[in-house]
Amino acid sequence: MTRHTTRAVSGGAGGIRHGNLRHGNLPRTALTALAPSVWGTTYVVTTELLPHGHPLFAGLLRALPAGLIALAVTRTLPRGAWWGKAAALGVLNIGLFLPLLFIAAQRLPGGVAATLAAAQPLVVAVLAVTVLHERLSARRLVWAVAGVVGVGLVVIGPDAALDTVGIVAGLAGAATMALGVTLTKRWGRPADVGPTTFAGWQLTAGGLFLLPLAFLVEGSPPAIGPAAALGYLWLGLVGGLITYALWFQGITALPVSSVAVLALLSPLVAAVLGAVLLGQTLGPVQLVGFALSLAAIVAGQLPPRTRSHDSVSTPTPEGTPR
């Protein structure tokens, strides 16, 4: 595959760098935001429908069947250098991220784990400088920090306990996903490959990475009843194939920092579902954090300020520029 066809849809360092609203990208942003919003249902689905004690098996069923279905439907395999790139992205975005996420969730209160995961936009802001050669944006850093603080206010309770292994796993998970997002932006995808195929490559690679890990760590798979089957179906088809296709399409089409901050929607949706379905309460502090996180998400979609000298100046009759 030639290099110029890959760049045609890459959106990498030389791609779109302005905010989403200025370029009429609101529909694309809304579709991309569906992915982390759906991922926010993972907690309630896992706790209420799936067998306990098998998080890696849940990650395996979330990734591998969806990836194989995508490959069977599209009948398109990677070519050339994309075998290695698809494998690397699949391991980063799915294969490594899910185990680290589950380790953090097992060893830390859910609120602490969610707050550590919310640090992903901060890591992306730094990686965008080193990997995509973008200028460091103080405004995006400030709003990324505000988003993390907001999520912390929403989900961290007064009895939150800290565990070293859990904290390291949570931060490593955020860094792993951030690197995967940034490399996805840099490499883009081949021009003749659609988002479903692209998601299928990564889901399959991530699932194959998880396959031996799940059996080595957790042993035999659990018994699957009707409720668990429904939960696995939701996580695999909707929370896996459909949402990852939207997510990767958004990364290639939108500014990477704007996409990264959308990940804050996941813990916010989880908090809302906890309140609606599980009877958990959202007090004044949580509502303030919710508003702060939403403000950070909206601010991440706004275009950067342009300087007046960017526009062409027109000479006045006196010969002085206006």
Foldseek 3Di string as FASTA:
>chain_A
DDPVQQVVLQLFLPHDAWFCVVVVNVVLLVLLLVQLLLLLCLVVLCVPFADPPQQLVLLLLQFAVLLVVLCVVVVDDDDDPVLVVLLLLLCLQRQLLSVLLVLLVVPWPPLVLLLLLLLLLVLLLVVCCVPSVDDRDPVLNVLSVLLSVLSSLQRPDPPTDDDPSSSVSSNVSSNSNSVSLNVCSNRPGRNPDALLNSLSSSSNSSSVSSVVVSCVVRNDDDDHDPSNVVSSVCSRNVNRRSNSSSNSSSSSRGNSSLSSLSSSSSSVSNSVCCCVPVVDDGDPSSVVSSVSSVVSNVVSNHTDDDDPVVDDWDADPVRDTD
